[in-house]
PDB file of N, CA and C in Angstrom:
ATOM      1  N   UNK A   1      -6.585   3.086  -0.279  1.00  0.00           N
ATOM      2  CA  UNK A   1      -6.310   1.743  -1.315  1.00  0.00           C
ATOM      3  C   UNK A   1      -4.919   1.161  -0.703  1.00  0.00           C
ATOM      4  N   UNK A   2      -4.609  -0.038  -0.596  1.00  0.00           N
ATOM      5  CA  UNK A   2      -3.419  -0.805  -0.271  1.00  0.00           C
ATOM      6  C   UNK A   2      -2.492  -1.313  -1.081  1.00  0.00           C
ATOM      7  N   UNK A   3      -2.818  -1.169  -2.521  1.00  0.00           N
ATOM      8  CA  UNK A   3      -2.292  -1.886  -3.424  1.00  0.00           C
ATOM      9  C   UNK A   3      -3.119  -1.684  -4.846  1.00  0.00           C
ATOM     10  N   UNK A   4      -2.403  -1.476  -6.027  1.00  0.00           N
ATOM     11  CA  UNK A   4      -3.013  -1.813  -7.148  1.00  0.00           C
ATOM     12  C   UNK A   4      -1.911  -1.838  -8.350  1.00  0.00           C
ATOM     13  N   UNK A   5      -2.728  -2.341  -9.406  1.00  0.00           N
ATOM     14  CA  UNK A   5      -1.683  -2.680 -10.595  1.00  0.00           C
ATOM     15  C   UNK A   5      -2.581  -2.976 -11.789  1.00  0.00           C
ATOM     16  N   UNK A   6      -1.918  -2.874 -12.891  1.00  0.00           N
ATOM     17  CA  UNK A   6      -2.706  -3.294 -13.968  1.00  0.00           C
ATOM     18  C   UNK A   6      -2.798  -4.988 -14.377  1.00  0.00           C
ATOM     19  N   UNK A   7      -3.892  -5.494 -14.105  1.00  0.00           N
ATOM     20  CA  UNK A   7      -3.877  -6.886 -14.246  1.00  0.00           C
ATOM     21  C   UNK A   7      -4.569  -7.459 -15.757  1.00  0.00           C
ATOM     22  N   UNK A   8      -3.200  -7.992 -16.551  1.00  0.00           N
ATOM     23  CA  UNK A   8      -3.542  -8.485 -17.881  1.00  0.00           C
ATOM     24  C   UNK A   8      -4.987  -9.503 -17.620  1.00  0.00           C
ATOM     25  N   UNK A   9      -4.802  -9.892 -16.743  1.00  0.00           N
ATOM     26  CA  UNK A   9      -5.983 -11.273 -17.058  1.00  0.00           C
ATOM     27  C   UNK A   9      -7.289 -10.474 -16.716  1.00  0.00           C
ATOM     28  N   UNK A  10      -7.697  -9.424 -16.201  1.00  0.00           N
ATOM     29  CA  UNK A  10      -8.904  -8.628 -16.469  1.00  0.00           C
ATOM     30  C   UNK A  10      -9.157  -7.904 -17.558  1.00  0.00           C
ATOM     31  N   UNK A  11      -7.806  -7.278 -18.006  1.00  0.00           N
ATOM     32  CA  UNK A  11      -7.510  -6.016 -19.039  1.00  0.00           C
ATOM     33  C   UNK A  11      -7.915  -4.903 -18.500  1.00  0.00           C
ATOM     34  N   UNK A  12      -7.586  -4.645 -17.276  1.00  0.00           N
ATOM     35  CA  UNK A  12      -7.796  -3.202 -16.353  1.00  0.00           C
ATOM     36  C   UNK A  12      -7.040  -3.180 -15.136  1.00  0.00           C
ATOM     37  N   UNK A  13      -6.573  -1.886 -15.057  1.00  0.00           N
ATOM     38  CA  UNK A  13      -6.016  -1.641 -13.676  1.00  0.00           C
ATOM     39  C   UNK A  13      -7.099  -2.073 -12.341  1.00  0.00           C
ATOM     40  N   UNK A  14      -6.487  -2.982 -11.308  1.00  0.00           N
ATOM     41  CA  UNK A  14      -7.128  -3.406 -10.269  1.00  0.00           C
ATOM     42  C   UNK A  14      -6.681  -2.587  -8.865  1.00  0.00           C
ATOM     43  N   UNK A  15      -7.257  -2.592  -8.146  1.00  0.00           N
ATOM     44  CA  UNK A  15      -6.749  -1.978  -6.693  1.00  0.00           C
ATOM     45  C   UNK A  15      -7.673  -2.714  -5.529  1.00  0.00           C
ATOM     46  N   UNK A  16      -7.065  -2.680  -4.447  1.00  0.00           N
ATOM     47  CA  UNK A  16      -7.749  -3.136  -2.727  1.00  0.00           C
ATOM     48  C   UNK A  16      -7.207  -2.109  -1.898  1.00  0.00           C
ATOM     49  N   UNK A  17      -8.417  -2.376  -1.117  1.00  0.00           N
ATOM     50  CA  UNK A  17      -7.974  -1.384  -0.131  1.00  0.00           C
ATOM     51  C   UNK A  17      -9.097  -1.126   1.028  1.00  0.00           C
ATOM     52  N   UNK A  18      -9.015  -0.471   2.013  1.00  0.00           N
ATOM     53  CA  UNK A  18     -10.467  -0.901   3.150  1.00  0.00           C
ATOM     54  C   UNK A  18     -11.290   0.723   2.795  1.00  0.00           C
ATOM     55  N   UNK A  19     -12.523   0.210   3.072  1.00  0.00           N
ATOM     56  CA  UNK A  19     -13.748   1.351   2.472  1.00  0.00           C
ATOM     57  C   UNK A  19     -14.395   0.872   3.935  1.00  0.00           C
ATOM     58  N   UNK A  20     -15.360   2.110   4.286  1.00  0.00           N
ATOM     59  CA  UNK A  20     -16.561   2.024   5.121  1.00  0.00           C
ATOM     60  C   UNK A  20     -17.600   1.196   4.378  1.00  0.00           C
ATOM     61  N   UNK A  21     -18.164   0.565   5.878  1.00  0.00           N
ATOM     62  CA  UNK A  21     -19.261  -0.452   5.207  1.00  0.00           C
ATOM     63  C   UNK A  21     -20.323   0.124   4.441  1.00  0.00           C
ATOM     64  N   UNK A  22     -20.654   1.562   4.513  1.00  0.00           N
ATOM     65  CA  UNK A  22     -21.847   2.094   3.876  1.00  0.00           C
ATOM     66  C   UNK A  22     -21.404   2.205   2.200  1.00  0.00           C
ATOM     67  N   UNK A  23     -20.338   2.112   2.090  1.00  0.00           N
ATOM     68  CA  UNK A  23     -19.685   1.805   0.418  1.00  0.00           C
ATOM     69  C   UNK A  23     -19.479   0.697  -0.034  1.00  0.00           C
ATOM     70  N   UNK A  24     -19.447  -0.426   1.188  1.00  0.00           N
ATOM     71  CA  UNK A  24     -18.654  -1.635   0.245  1.00  0.00           C
ATOM     72  C   UNK A  24     -19.691  -2.647  -0.350  1.00  0.00           C
ATOM     73  N   UNK A  25     -21.152  -1.950  -0.516  1.00  0.00           N
ATOM     74  CA  UNK A  25     -21.447  -3.088  -1.230  1.00  0.00           C
ATOM     75  C   UNK A  25     -21.363  -3.232  -2.860  1.00  0.00           C
ATOM     76  N   UNK A  26     -20.796  -4.279  -3.524  1.00  0.00           N
ATOM     77  CA  UNK A  26     -20.530  -4.688  -5.020  1.00  0.00           C
ATOM     78  C   UNK A  26     -21.375  -3.702  -6.049  1.00  0.00           C
ATOM     79  N   UNK A  27     -20.890  -2.967  -6.688  1.00  0.00           N
ATOM     80  CA  UNK A  27     -21.590  -2.397  -7.754  1.00  0.00           C
ATOM     81  C   UNK A  27     -21.662  -0.729  -7.621  1.00  0.00           C
ATOM     82  N   UNK A  28     -21.378  -0.290  -6.003  1.00  0.00           N
ATOM     83  CA  UNK A  28     -21.262   0.837  -5.397  1.00  0.00           C
ATOM     84  C   UNK A  28     -20.130   1.738  -6.166  1.00  0.00           C
ATOM     85  N   UNK A  29     -20.515   3.058  -6.926  1.00  0.00           N
ATOM     86  CA  UNK A  29     -19.418   3.618  -7.746  1.00  0.00           C
ATOM     87  C   UNK A  29     -18.716   4.786  -6.115  1.00  0.00           C
ATOM     88  N   UNK A  30     -16.778   4.691  -6.352  1.00  0.00           N
ATOM     89  CA  UNK A  30     -16.638   5.335  -5.747  1.00  0.00           C
ATOM     90  C   UNK A  30     -15.563   6.237  -6.556  1.00  0.00           C
ATOM     91  N   UNK A  31     -14.963   7.026  -5.664  1.00  0.00           N
ATOM     92  CA  UNK A  31     -13.698   7.648  -6.293  1.00  0.00           C
ATOM     93  C   UNK A  31     -12.389   7.402  -5.014  1.00  0.00           C
ATOM     94  N   UNK A  32     -11.289   7.415  -5.688  1.00  0.00           N
ATOM     95  CA  UNK A  32     -10.111   6.914  -5.107  1.00  0.00           C
ATOM     96  C   UNK A  32      -8.845   8.226  -5.058  1.00  0.00           C
ATOM     97  N   UNK A  33      -8.391   8.333  -4.474  1.00  0.00           N
ATOM     98  CA  UNK A  33      -7.298   9.099  -4.347  1.00  0.00           C
ATOM     99  C   UNK A  33      -6.244   8.742  -4.842  1.00  0.00           C
ATOM    100  N   UNK A  34      -5.711   8.918  -6.181  1.00  0.00           N
ATOM    101  CA  UNK A  34      -4.474   8.311  -6.774  1.00  0.00           C
ATOM    102  C   UNK A  34      -3.641   9.293  -6.990  1.00  0.00           C
ATOM    103  N   UNK A  35      -2.199   9.476  -6.419  1.00  0.00           N
ATOM    104  CA  UNK A  35      -1.371  10.647  -6.741  1.00  0.00           C
ATOM    105  C   UNK A  35      -1.805  11.822  -6.822  1.00  0.00           C
ATOM    106  N   UNK A  36      -2.770  12.400  -5.853  1.00  0.00           N
ATOM    107  CA  UNK A  36      -3.143  13.884  -5.954  1.00  0.00           C
ATOM    108  C   UNK A  36      -4.991  14.227  -6.946  1.00  0.00           C
ATOM    109  N   UNK A  37      -4.964  12.888  -7.647  1.00  0.00           N
ATOM    110  CA  UNK A  37      -6.101  12.859  -8.578  1.00  0.00           C
ATOM    111  C   UNK A  37      -7.043  11.885  -8.339  1.00  0.00           C
ATOM    112  N   UNK A  38      -8.415  12.249  -8.560  1.00  0.00           N
ATOM    113  CA  UNK A  38      -9.682  11.554  -7.978  1.00  0.00           C
ATOM    114  C   UNK A  38      -9.729  10.453  -9.298  1.00  0.00           C
ATOM    115  N   UNK A  39      -9.921   9.171  -9.087  1.00  0.00           N
ATOM    116  CA  UNK A  39     -10.033   8.259 -10.066  1.00  0.00           C
ATOM    117  C   UNK A  39     -11.579   7.500  -9.919  1.00  0.00           C
ATOM    118  N   UNK A  40     -12.392   7.726 -10.832  1.00  0.00           N
ATOM    119  CA  UNK A  40     -13.817   6.693 -10.795  1.00  0.00           C
ATOM    120  C   UNK A  40     -13.423   5.213 -10.265  1.00  0.00           C
ATOM    121  N   UNK A  41     -14.430   4.568  -9.377  1.00  0.00           N
ATOM    122  CA  UNK A  41     -13.789   2.870  -9.478  1.00  0.00           C
ATOM    123  C   UNK A  41     -15.363   2.509  -9.139  1.00  0.00           C
ATOM    124  N   UNK A  42     -15.218   1.161  -8.862  1.00  0.00           N
ATOM    125  CA  UNK A  42     -16.529   0.614  -8.747  1.00  0.00           C
ATOM    126  C   UNK A  42     -16.296  -0.643  -7.988  1.00  0.00           C
ATOM    127  N   UNK A  43     -16.859  -0.527  -6.415  1.00  0.00           N
ATOM    128  CA  UNK A  43     -16.725  -2.078  -5.624  1.00  0.00           C
ATOM    129  C   UNK A  43     -16.853  -3.203  -6.569  1.00  0.00           C
ATOM    130  N   UNK A  44     -16.540  -4.236  -6.449  1.00  0.00           N
ATOM    131  CA  UNK A  44     -16.501  -5.166  -6.691  1.00  0.00           C
ATOM    132  C   UNK A  44     -16.296  -6.659  -6.094  1.00  0.00           C
ATOM    133  N   UNK A  45     -16.595  -7.881  -5.886  1.00  0.00           N
ATOM    134  CA  UNK A  45     -16.377  -8.847  -4.937  1.00  0.00           C
ATOM    135  C   UNK A  45     -15.110  -9.817  -5.281  1.00  0.00           C
ATOM    136  N   UNK A  46     -14.563 -10.191  -4.524  1.00  0.00           N
ATOM    137  CA  UNK A  46     -13.352 -11.035  -4.687  1.00  0.00           C
ATOM    138  C   UNK A  46     -13.771 -12.358  -5.167  1.00  0.00           C
ATOM    139  N   UNK A  47     -12.712 -13.009  -5.810  1.00  0.00           N
ATOM    140  CA  UNK A  47     -11.820 -12.555  -6.356  1.00  0.00           C
ATOM    141  C   UNK A  47     -12.000 -11.892  -7.774  1.00  0.00           C
ATOM    142  N   UNK A  48     -10.883 -11.347  -8.348  1.00  0.00           N
ATOM    143  CA  UNK A  48     -11.148 -10.439  -9.607  1.00  0.00           C
ATOM    144  C   UNK A  48     -11.251 -11.306 -10.779  1.00  0.00           C
ATOM    145  N   UNK A  49     -10.650 -12.723 -10.584  1.00  0.00           N
ATOM    146  CA  UNK A  49     -10.429 -13.406 -11.902  1.00  0.00           C
ATOM    147  C   UNK A  49     -11.132 -14.904 -11.117  1.00  0.00           C
ATOM    148  N   UNK A  50     -11.791 -15.588 -11.756  1.00  0.00           N
ATOM    149  CA  UNK A  50     -12.381 -16.950 -11.602  1.00  0.00           C
ATOM    150  C   UNK A  50     -11.470 -17.640 -10.850  1.00  0.00           C
ATOM    151  N   UNK A  51     -11.517 -18.685  -9.684  1.00  0.00           N
ATOM    152  CA  UNK A  51     -10.447 -19.216  -9.301  1.00  0.00           C
ATOM    153  C   UNK A  51     -10.033 -20.791 -10.274  1.00  0.00           C
ATOM    154  N   UNK A  52     -10.576 -20.733 -11.202  1.00  0.00           N
ATOM    155  CA  UNK A  52     -10.205 -21.729 -12.139  1.00  0.00           C
ATOM    156  C   UNK A  52      -9.494 -21.045 -13.119  1.00  0.00           C
ATOM    157  N   UNK A  53      -9.197 -19.665 -13.405  1.00  0.00           N
ATOM    158  CA  UNK A  53      -8.410 -19.230 -14.419  1.00  0.00           C
ATOM    159  C   UNK A  53      -7.011 -19.623 -14.590  1.00  0.00           C
ATOM    160  N   UNK A  54      -6.528 -20.290 -15.884  1.00  0.00           N
ATOM    161  CA  UNK A  54      -5.493 -20.702 -15.944  1.00  0.00           C
ATOM    162  C   UNK A  54      -4.737 -20.144 -17.277  1.00  0.00           C
ATOM    163  N   UNK A  55      -3.547 -19.406 -17.226  1.00  0.00           N
ATOM    164  CA  UNK A  55      -3.001 -18.929 -18.064  1.00  0.00           C
ATOM    165  C   UNK A  55      -2.114 -20.128 -18.798  1.00  0.00           C
ATOM    166  N   UNK A  56      -2.168 -20.387 -20.199  1.00  0.00           N
ATOM    167  CA  UNK A  56      -1.492 -21.509 -20.780  1.00  0.00           C
ATOM    168  C   UNK A  56       0.065 -20.945 -21.256  1.00  0.00           C
ATOM    169  N   UNK A  57       0.941 -21.529 -21.168  1.00  0.00           N
ATOM    170  CA  UNK A  57       2.137 -21.245 -21.797  1.00  0.00           C
ATOM    171  C   UNK A  57       2.738 -22.517 -22.626  1.00  0.00           C
ATOM    172  N   UNK A  58       2.921 -21.760 -23.989  1.00  0.00           N
ATOM    173  CA  UNK A  58       3.272 -22.974 -25.176  1.00  0.00           C
ATOM    174  C   UNK A  58       5.078 -22.971 -24.634  1.00  0.00           C
ATOM    175  N   UNK A  59       5.690 -24.286 -24.678  1.00  0.00           N
ATOM    176  CA  UNK A  59       6.741 -24.348 -24.645  1.00  0.00           C
ATOM    177  C   UNK A  59       7.559 -25.267 -26.052  1.00  0.00           C
ATOM    178  N   UNK A  60       8.474 -24.251 -26.280  1.00  0.00           N
ATOM    179  CA  UNK A  60       9.124 -24.942 -27.594  1.00  0.00           C
ATOM    180  C   UNK A  60      10.225 -24.952 -27.378  1.00  0.00           C
ATOM    181  N   UNK A  61      10.921 -25.955 -28.260  1.00  0.00           N
ATOM    182  CA  UNK A  61      12.282 -26.142 -28.309  1.00  0.00           C
ATOM    183  C   UNK A  61      12.989 -25.371 -29.160  1.00  0.00           C
ATOM    184  N   UNK A  62      14.204 -25.011 -28.449  1.00  0.00           N
ATOM    185  CA  UNK A  62      15.017 -23.572 -29.182  1.00  0.00           C
ATOM    186  C   UNK A  62      15.965 -24.808 -30.213  1.00  0.00           C
ATOM    187  N   UNK A  63      16.569 -23.773 -31.187  1.00  0.00           N
ATOM    188  CA  UNK A  63      17.955 -24.685 -32.089  1.00  0.00           C
ATOM    189  C   UNK A  63      18.812 -25.028 -30.930  1.00  0.00           C
ATOM    190  N   UNK A  64      19.351 -24.571 -29.978  1.00  0.00           N
ATOM    191  CA  UNK A  64      20.356 -25.095 -28.964  1.00  0.00           C
ATOM    192  C   UNK A  64      19.715 -26.276 -27.987  1.00  0.00           C
ATOM    193  N   UNK A  65      18.657 -27.097 -28.518  1.00  0.00           N
ATOM    194  CA  UNK A  65      18.316 -28.225 -27.938  1.00  0.00           C
ATOM    195  C   UNK A  65      17.145 -27.833 -26.257  1.00  0.00           C
ATOM    196  N   UNK A  66      17.520 -26.434 -26.116  1.00  0.00           N
ATOM    197  CA  UNK A  66      16.778 -25.942 -24.696  1.00  0.00           C
ATOM    198  C   UNK A  66      15.531 -25.739 -25.075  1.00  0.00           C
ATOM    199  N   UNK A  67      14.814 -25.330 -23.825  1.00  0.00           N
ATOM    200  CA  UNK A  67      13.398 -25.070 -23.918  1.00  0.00           C
ATOM    201  C   UNK A  67      13.076 -23.634 -23.699  1.00  0.00           C
ATOM    202  N   UNK A  68      12.107 -22.808 -24.391  1.00  0.00           N
ATOM    203  CA  UNK A  68      11.920 -21.541 -23.967  1.00  0.00           C
ATOM    204  C   UNK A  68      10.383 -21.052 -23.784  1.00  0.00           C
ATOM    205  N   UNK A  69       9.751 -20.188 -23.229  1.00  0.00           N
ATOM    206  CA  UNK A  69       8.241 -20.091 -23.237  1.00  0.00           C
ATOM    207  C   UNK A  69       8.425 -19.093 -24.529  1.00  0.00           C
ATOM    208  N   UNK A  70       6.801 -19.437 -24.770  1.00  0.00           N
ATOM    209  CA  UNK A  70       6.451 -18.313 -25.925  1.00  0.00           C
ATOM    210  C   UNK A  70       5.466 -17.891 -25.563  1.00  0.00           C
TER     211      UNK A  70
END
């Protein structure tokens, strides 16, 4: 595993890394070694999120006349 994080866009932890071709087919169940513990995982195709994913941020004016993200 080369990187990993919790991804709010998919509601789950995700990771990327290198794997032998024998195990690289999407849907293959694998086990990751994470901080000395085996963690179950599944191989999926990239991207994790569809390329048209858009996170909408609402902008409001605050009492001092500035804008803030909500």
